[in-house]
């Protein structure tokens, strides 16, 4: 904390000396604005016996309208609420200070907060909303931060797909989630694009959101095969399971059999449901696979799948697999025996010994 305080004090001193905001902090970084706002006041509290030097250097006049942008930024972060309120009133038309207005819209002092909200309401156009989205959402986590998020939603609620696409590519996770929620609510993304995002995005929230949205429009569109195929190819189990479940709705339940041996328990469970609904017998399918050990190397999930839906009698099929040449099969055989409550420590003890590789 002390390092942040000293950095804020140094930044404040430079601003008091007339340095431009852009030369003092990274104006595109929401954390930089939050650090400046908190740090300026923190430095004062840690110097309670005397004012920080920057306050002497930036002695504020009674009328703040004539201040340059740098000194007005200091006033917007001032520890005294009355000065912050006067600074907000003097910030109209200063687009460079809009990030601090966003912060002041969640200020603990009601007069400061209300004036900042009025100014934000007037100044937040589409371009500003796109640029300030990360900061607004960050401030939105505060007790009084909901106003900014609501204002952002109203403005971006009028955005076209191309404008929101800027936020889809954001490195800020909250911004991307916010943008995709808006796009889904307004039906700005097509079925295929939703499925592709669900399959390839790294954020599980975005994956679930887009997968659900992609499936919700399947009944309304003629072409659905590409969307389902994308969902089935996803690395994320929840997304794949959504694709497997969709197979029943789209008349391709037979394809669910392929996923009975999936590496994910969730996907296997969905596949069993779809297969049963189509009149198939997943348990018989698993038993058949487990009686052909040579084929299990490519489908080790069939081993644990048998335990998930079989009975204790199926342990007889799993015991021979604990010595299988493929480690993935051995692992699932042991896990399956435990699932069936048939594990025998004495028979499993040899697996604790290191396996020796045969030399050619």
Protein backbone atom coordinates (compact mmCIF):
# COMPACT_ATOMS: atom_id res chain seq x y z
CA UNK A 1 0.00 0.00 0.00
CA UNK A 2 2.78 2.43 0.86
CA UNK A 3 4.19 2.13 -2.66
CA UNK A 4 0.81 2.96 -4.18
CA UNK A 5 0.45 5.95 -1.86
CA UNK A 6 3.85 7.29 -2.79
CA UNK A 7 3.10 6.79 -6.49
CA UNK A 8 -0.19 8.64 -6.12
CA UNK A 9 1.50 11.47 -4.26
CA UNK A 10 4.12 11.72 -7.00
CA UNK A 11 1.41 11.73 -9.68
CA UNK A 12 -0.50 14.42 -7.78
CA UNK A 13 2.62 16.55 -7.51
CA UNK A 14 3.19 16.32 -11.25
CA UNK A 15 -0.44 17.21 -11.97
CA UNK A 16 -0.20 20.16 -9.58
CA UNK A 17 2.81 21.30 -11.55
CA UNK A 18 0.77 21.34 -14.75
CA UNK A 19 1.71 17.98 -16.28
CA UNK A 20 -0.87 16.62 -18.67
CA UNK A 21 -3.02 13.74 -17.47
CA UNK A 22 -1.85 11.57 -20.34
CA UNK A 23 1.76 11.96 -19.28
CA UNK A 24 1.06 11.07 -15.66
CA UNK A 25 -1.18 8.03 -15.96
CA UNK A 26 -2.40 5.53 -18.54
CA UNK A 27 -5.74 7.13 -19.33
CA UNK A 28 -7.07 3.99 -21.05
CA UNK A 29 -6.52 1.88 -17.93
CA UNK A 30 -9.45 1.95 -15.48
CA UNK A 31 -7.19 0.87 -12.64
CA UNK A 32 -5.03 3.95 -13.19
CA UNK A 33 -7.98 6.28 -12.56
CA UNK A 34 -9.12 4.33 -9.52
CA UNK A 35 -5.60 4.36 -8.13
CA UNK A 36 -5.29 8.11 -8.65
CA UNK A 37 -8.63 8.79 -6.98
CA UNK A 38 -7.89 6.61 -3.96
CA UNK A 39 -4.22 7.41 -3.78
CA UNK A 40 -4.57 11.19 -3.63
CA UNK A 41 -6.75 10.96 -0.54
CA UNK A 42 -4.72 8.10 0.97
CA UNK A 43 -1.57 10.19 0.78
CA UNK A 44 -3.33 12.92 2.75
CA UNK A 45 -4.42 10.58 5.54
CA UNK A 46 -0.89 9.22 5.86
CA UNK A 47 0.39 12.79 6.19
CA UNK A 48 -2.24 13.86 8.72
CA UNK A 49 0.05 16.38 10.49
CA UNK A 50 0.53 18.48 7.39
CA UNK A 51 -0.90 18.84 3.93
CA UNK A 52 0.84 17.06 1.07
CA UNK A 53 3.14 19.33 -0.87
CA UNK A 54 0.99 19.08 -3.98
CA UNK A 55 -1.93 20.72 -2.17
CA UNK A 56 0.25 23.77 -1.48
CA UNK A 57 1.47 23.81 -5.06
CA UNK A 58 -2.07 23.48 -6.39
CA UNK A 59 -3.81 25.92 -4.06
CA UNK A 60 -7.36 25.93 -5.34
CA UNK A 61 -9.12 29.21 -6.10
CA UNK A 62 -12.70 29.90 -5.07
CA UNK A 63 -13.79 29.57 -8.72
CA UNK A 64 -12.64 26.25 -10.18
CA UNK A 65 -13.89 26.99 -13.69
CA UNK A 66 -10.55 28.49 -14.67
CA UNK A 67 -8.48 25.51 -13.62
CA UNK A 68 -6.68 23.49 -16.22
CA UNK A 69 -7.56 19.83 -16.66
CA UNK A 70 -4.72 18.54 -14.49
CA UNK A 71 -5.52 20.63 -11.41
CA UNK A 72 -9.24 20.07 -11.84
CA UNK A 73 -8.52 16.33 -11.78
CA UNK A 74 -6.88 16.81 -8.37
CA UNK A 75 -9.93 18.71 -7.17
CA UNK A 76 -12.17 15.87 -8.31
CA UNK A 77 -10.16 13.52 -6.09
CA UNK A 78 -9.93 15.92 -3.13
CA UNK A 79 -10.52 14.62 0.39
CA UNK A 80 -13.03 17.40 1.07
CA UNK A 81 -16.49 16.69 -0.32
CA UNK A 82 -17.36 20.33 -0.93
CA UNK A 83 -14.32 20.71 -3.16
CA UNK A 84 -15.18 17.54 -5.06
CA UNK A 85 -18.69 18.88 -5.59
CA UNK A 86 -17.41 22.21 -6.91
CA UNK A 87 -15.00 20.34 -9.16
CA UNK A 88 -17.81 18.24 -10.60
CA UNK A 89 -19.84 21.37 -11.32
CA UNK A 90 -16.83 22.78 -13.17
CA UNK A 91 -16.14 19.67 -15.24
CA UNK A 92 -18.85 20.04 -17.86
CA UNK A 93 -17.43 19.75 -21.36
CA UNK A 94 -14.12 18.34 -20.10
CA UNK A 95 -14.19 14.95 -21.82
CA UNK A 96 -10.74 14.08 -20.49
CA UNK A 97 -12.13 14.13 -16.95
CA UNK A 98 -15.11 11.90 -17.67
CA UNK A 99 -13.43 8.87 -16.05
CA UNK A 100 -13.30 10.77 -12.75
CA UNK A 101 -16.94 11.78 -13.18
CA UNK A 102 -17.76 8.09 -13.47
CA UNK A 103 -15.99 7.51 -10.14
CA UNK A 104 -17.69 10.47 -8.51
CA UNK A 105 -21.11 9.12 -9.62
CA UNK A 106 -20.62 6.51 -6.90
CA UNK A 107 -19.26 9.00 -4.35
CA UNK A 108 -20.31 8.53 -0.73
CA UNK A 109 -21.33 12.21 -0.50
CA UNK A 110 -24.84 12.65 -1.95
CA UNK A 111 -24.35 16.17 -3.43
CA UNK A 112 -21.17 15.05 -5.22
CA UNK A 113 -22.85 11.89 -6.41
CA UNK A 114 -25.98 13.57 -7.75
CA UNK A 115 -24.16 16.28 -9.69
CA UNK A 116 -21.77 13.71 -11.15
CA UNK A 117 -24.65 11.50 -12.24
CA UNK A 118 -26.36 14.38 -13.99
CA UNK A 119 -23.14 15.23 -15.82
CA UNK A 120 -22.53 11.59 -16.73
CA UNK A 121 -26.07 11.26 -18.05
CA UNK A 122 -25.50 14.22 -20.35
CA UNK A 123 -21.99 13.31 -21.50
CA UNK A 124 -22.23 9.55 -21.99
CA UNK A 125 -22.66 9.09 -25.73
CA UNK A 126 -21.87 5.96 -27.72
CA UNK A 127 -18.14 6.63 -28.14
CA UNK A 128 -17.73 7.51 -24.48
CA UNK A 129 -19.68 4.44 -23.40
CA UNK A 130 -17.48 2.14 -25.47
CA UNK A 131 -14.33 3.68 -24.04
CA UNK A 132 -15.49 3.90 -20.43
CA UNK A 133 -17.19 0.50 -20.20
CA UNK A 134 -14.30 -1.14 -18.26
CA UNK A 135 -14.21 1.65 -15.67
CA UNK A 136 -18.00 1.90 -15.34
CA UNK A 137 -18.31 -1.82 -14.74
CA UNK A 138 -15.44 -1.70 -12.23
CA UNK A 139 -17.11 1.15 -10.33
CA UNK A 140 -20.41 -0.70 -10.66
CA UNK A 141 -19.20 -3.21 -8.07
CA UNK A 142 -19.41 -0.50 -5.41
CA UNK A 143 -22.42 0.07 -3.21
CA UNK A 144 -23.53 3.15 -5.17
CA UNK A 145 -22.22 2.08 -8.56
CA UNK A 146 -25.43 0.77 -10.14
CA UNK A 147 -26.27 4.12 -11.74
CA UNK A 148 -23.29 4.03 -14.06
CA UNK A 149 -24.02 0.46 -15.16
CA UNK A 150 -27.65 1.35 -15.88
CA UNK A 151 -26.54 4.39 -17.90
CA UNK A 152 -24.08 2.23 -19.81
CA UNK A 153 -26.81 -0.31 -20.56
CA UNK A 154 -29.12 2.39 -21.89
CA UNK A 155 -26.50 3.80 -24.25
CA UNK A 156 -25.08 0.49 -25.46
CA UNK A 157 -28.62 -0.82 -25.75
CA UNK A 158 -28.74 1.25 -28.94
CA UNK A 159 -25.42 -0.03 -30.26
CA UNK A 160 -25.22 -2.02 -33.46
CA UNK A 161 -23.48 -5.36 -33.71
CA UNK A 162 -20.34 -3.73 -35.12
CA UNK A 163 -20.04 -1.35 -32.19
CA UNK A 164 -20.45 -4.11 -29.62
CA UNK A 165 -17.87 -6.17 -31.47
CA UNK A 166 -15.24 -3.78 -30.11
CA UNK A 167 -16.18 -4.94 -26.62
CA UNK A 168 -16.26 -8.60 -27.64
CA UNK A 169 -12.50 -8.33 -28.20
CA UNK A 170 -11.81 -6.59 -24.90
CA UNK A 171 -9.21 -8.08 -22.58
CA UNK A 172 -11.49 -7.21 -19.67
CA UNK A 173 -13.60 -10.26 -18.76
CA UNK A 174 -16.46 -8.22 -17.27
CA UNK A 175 -16.69 -6.04 -20.36
CA UNK A 176 -16.90 -9.04 -22.67
CA UNK A 177 -19.58 -10.69 -20.56
CA UNK A 178 -21.56 -7.46 -20.45
CA UNK A 179 -21.32 -7.00 -24.22
CA UNK A 180 -22.36 -10.56 -25.02
CA UNK A 181 -25.33 -10.34 -22.65
CA UNK A 182 -26.51 -7.21 -24.47
CA UNK A 183 -25.99 -8.83 -27.85
CA UNK A 184 -27.92 -11.96 -26.83
CA UNK A 185 -30.78 -9.95 -25.35
CA UNK A 186 -31.08 -7.92 -28.53
CA UNK A 187 -30.58 -10.94 -30.84
CA UNK A 188 -27.70 -9.28 -32.64
CA UNK A 189 -25.73 -12.50 -33.15
CA UNK A 190 -26.66 -15.28 -35.51
CA UNK A 191 -26.98 -18.91 -34.52
CA UNK A 192 -23.66 -19.95 -36.03
CA UNK A 193 -21.72 -17.07 -34.49
CA UNK A 194 -23.19 -17.83 -31.07
CA UNK A 195 -22.24 -21.49 -31.37
CA UNK A 196 -18.74 -20.63 -32.58
CA UNK A 197 -18.22 -18.28 -29.63
CA UNK A 198 -19.52 -20.90 -27.21
CA UNK A 199 -17.12 -23.46 -28.65
CA UNK A 200 -14.00 -21.31 -28.80
CA UNK A 201 -14.25 -18.65 -26.10
CA UNK A 202 -12.08 -19.12 -23.01
CA UNK A 203 -14.62 -17.69 -20.54
CA UNK A 204 -17.11 -20.23 -19.18
CA UNK A 205 -19.75 -17.56 -18.57
CA UNK A 206 -19.62 -16.45 -22.19
CA UNK A 207 -19.62 -20.09 -23.30
CA UNK A 208 -22.77 -20.91 -21.35
CA UNK A 209 -24.50 -17.70 -22.40
CA UNK A 210 -23.83 -18.20 -26.10
CA UNK A 211 -24.50 -21.95 -26.10
CA UNK A 212 -27.91 -21.41 -24.51
CA UNK A 213 -28.70 -18.61 -26.96
CA UNK A 214 -27.59 -20.69 -29.95
CA UNK A 215 -29.90 -23.56 -28.97
CA UNK A 216 -32.83 -21.27 -28.27
CA UNK A 217 -33.03 -20.24 -31.93
CA UNK A 218 -32.69 -23.69 -33.46
CA UNK A 219 -36.42 -24.16 -33.71
CA UNK A 220 -36.76 -20.88 -35.58
CA UNK A 221 -34.14 -21.50 -38.26
CA UNK A 222 -33.86 -24.10 -40.97
CA UNK A 223 -30.10 -24.57 -40.84
CA UNK A 224 -28.95 -25.91 -37.47
CA UNK A 225 -26.38 -28.62 -38.25
CA UNK A 226 -23.41 -26.24 -38.24
CA UNK A 227 -24.36 -24.81 -34.83
CA UNK A 228 -24.71 -28.23 -33.24
CA UNK A 229 -21.46 -29.42 -34.82
CA UNK A 230 -19.64 -26.41 -33.36
CA UNK A 231 -21.04 -27.06 -29.90
CA UNK A 232 -20.06 -30.72 -30.08
CA UNK A 233 -16.49 -29.77 -31.00
CA UNK A 234 -16.05 -27.50 -27.96
CA UNK A 235 -13.34 -28.25 -25.42
CA UNK A 236 -15.53 -27.08 -22.56
CA UNK A 237 -17.70 -29.96 -21.22
CA UNK A 238 -20.72 -27.76 -20.52
CA UNK A 239 -20.76 -26.56 -24.10
CA UNK A 240 -20.33 -30.08 -25.50
CA UNK A 241 -23.12 -31.32 -23.23
CA UNK A 242 -25.41 -28.62 -24.62
CA UNK A 243 -24.65 -29.84 -28.13
CA UNK A 244 -25.30 -33.46 -27.15
CA UNK A 245 -28.65 -32.54 -25.60
CA UNK A 246 -29.55 -30.64 -28.77
CA UNK A 247 -29.10 -33.80 -30.84
CA UNK A 248 -32.41 -35.13 -29.55
CA UNK A 249 -34.25 -31.93 -30.45
CA UNK A 250 -32.79 -31.91 -33.93
CA UNK A 251 -33.53 -35.53 -34.75
CA UNK A 252 -29.93 -36.74 -34.60
CA UNK A 253 -30.12 -38.67 -31.34
CA UNK A 254 -28.15 -41.57 -32.87
CA UNK A 255 -25.04 -39.37 -32.91
CA UNK A 256 -25.18 -39.12 -29.11
CA UNK A 257 -23.77 -42.65 -28.92
CA UNK A 258 -20.40 -41.25 -29.95
CA UNK A 259 -20.29 -39.24 -26.72
CA UNK A 260 -21.09 -42.09 -24.35
CA UNK A 261 -17.33 -42.46 -23.82
CA UNK A 262 -16.58 -38.73 -23.58
CA UNK A 263 -13.85 -37.67 -21.16
CA UNK A 264 -16.39 -35.58 -19.22
CA UNK A 265 -18.89 -37.16 -16.81
CA UNK A 266 -21.39 -34.41 -17.63
CA UNK A 267 -21.23 -35.11 -21.36
CA UNK A 268 -21.50 -38.87 -20.78
CA UNK A 269 -24.60 -38.36 -18.64
CA UNK A 270 -26.25 -36.19 -21.31
CA UNK A 271 -25.36 -38.73 -23.98
CA UNK A 272 -26.93 -41.56 -21.96
CA UNK A 273 -30.11 -39.55 -21.57
CA UNK A 274 -30.36 -38.86 -25.30
CA UNK A 275 -29.61 -42.47 -26.22
CA UNK A 276 -32.25 -43.77 -23.80
CA UNK A 277 -34.80 -41.31 -25.14
CA UNK A 278 -34.12 -42.71 -28.60
CA UNK A 279 -34.71 -46.27 -27.38
CA UNK A 280 -31.05 -47.26 -26.98
CA UNK A 281 -29.36 -49.05 -24.08
CA UNK A 282 -26.20 -47.23 -22.89
CA UNK A 283 -25.36 -49.94 -20.34
CA UNK A 284 -25.28 -52.63 -23.02
CA UNK A 285 -23.10 -50.36 -25.17
CA UNK A 286 -20.61 -49.93 -22.33
CA UNK A 287 -20.52 -53.65 -21.57
CA UNK A 288 -19.79 -54.45 -25.17
CA UNK A 289 -16.88 -51.99 -25.24
CA UNK A 290 -15.42 -53.30 -22.00
CA UNK A 291 -15.31 -56.84 -23.35
CA UNK A 292 -13.05 -55.66 -26.20
CA UNK A 293 -9.97 -54.28 -24.37
CA UNK A 294 -8.07 -53.59 -27.58
CA UNK A 295 -10.66 -51.00 -28.59
CA UNK A 296 -10.59 -49.12 -25.27
CA UNK A 297 -7.33 -47.30 -26.00
CA UNK A 298 -9.25 -44.73 -28.05
CA UNK A 299 -12.37 -44.70 -25.81
CA UNK A 300 -11.23 -45.06 -22.17
CA UNK A 301 -14.31 -43.13 -21.04
CA UNK A 302 -16.37 -46.25 -21.73
CA UNK A 303 -14.80 -47.90 -18.69
CA UNK A 304 -15.97 -45.33 -16.15
CA UNK A 305 -19.21 -44.93 -18.10
CA UNK A 306 -20.07 -48.56 -17.33
CA UNK A 307 -19.60 -47.94 -13.63
CA UNK A 308 -21.77 -44.81 -13.77
CA UNK A 309 -24.81 -46.65 -15.08
CA UNK A 310 -24.09 -50.33 -14.39
CA UNK A 311 -24.34 -52.46 -11.26
CA UNK A 312 -21.97 -54.31 -8.95
CA UNK A 313 -22.02 -57.31 -11.25
CA UNK A 314 -20.20 -55.21 -13.87
CA UNK A 315 -17.12 -55.21 -11.66
CA UNK A 316 -16.22 -58.52 -13.29
CA UNK A 317 -15.68 -56.63 -16.56
CA UNK A 318 -13.57 -53.93 -14.89
CA UNK A 319 -11.13 -56.07 -12.90
CA UNK A 320 -9.25 -57.36 -15.98
CA UNK A 321 -8.80 -53.76 -17.14
CA UNK A 322 -6.65 -52.71 -14.16
CA UNK A 323 -3.69 -54.29 -15.99
CA UNK A 324 -4.50 -52.75 -19.37
CA UNK A 325 -1.51 -51.43 -21.30
CA UNK A 326 -3.03 -47.94 -21.55
CA UNK A 327 -2.80 -45.88 -18.36
CA UNK A 328 -6.04 -44.00 -19.05
CA UNK A 329 -7.92 -47.30 -19.12
CA UNK A 330 -6.30 -48.49 -15.89
CA UNK A 331 -7.15 -45.22 -14.14
CA UNK A 332 -10.78 -45.42 -15.14
CA UNK A 333 -11.02 -49.07 -14.22
CA UNK A 334 -9.87 -48.31 -10.68
CA UNK A 335 -12.23 -45.33 -10.48
CA UNK A 336 -15.06 -47.50 -11.78
CA UNK A 337 -14.45 -50.16 -9.14
CA UNK A 338 -14.59 -47.50 -6.47
CA UNK A 339 -17.80 -46.12 -7.96
CA UNK A 340 -19.36 -49.58 -7.78
CA UNK A 341 -17.98 -50.02 -4.24
CA UNK A 342 -16.15 -53.12 -5.38
CA UNK A 343 -12.53 -52.02 -4.93
CA UNK A 344 -10.36 -54.63 -3.19
CA UNK A 345 -7.20 -53.07 -1.70
CA UNK A 346 -5.29 -56.35 -1.88
CA UNK A 347 -5.95 -56.76 -5.59
CA UNK A 348 -5.15 -53.12 -6.27
CA UNK A 349 -1.93 -53.03 -4.25
CA UNK A 350 0.29 -54.14 -7.19
CA UNK A 351 -0.70 -50.95 -9.01
CA UNK A 352 1.25 -48.98 -6.40
CA UNK A 353 4.49 -50.48 -7.67
CA UNK A 354 6.33 -48.71 -10.52
CA UNK A 355 5.65 -50.29 -13.90
CA UNK A 356 8.77 -51.48 -15.69
CA UNK A 357 9.19 -50.76 -19.35
CA UNK A 358 10.17 -53.66 -21.50
CA UNK A 359 13.43 -53.10 -23.39
CA UNK A 360 13.48 -54.07 -27.06
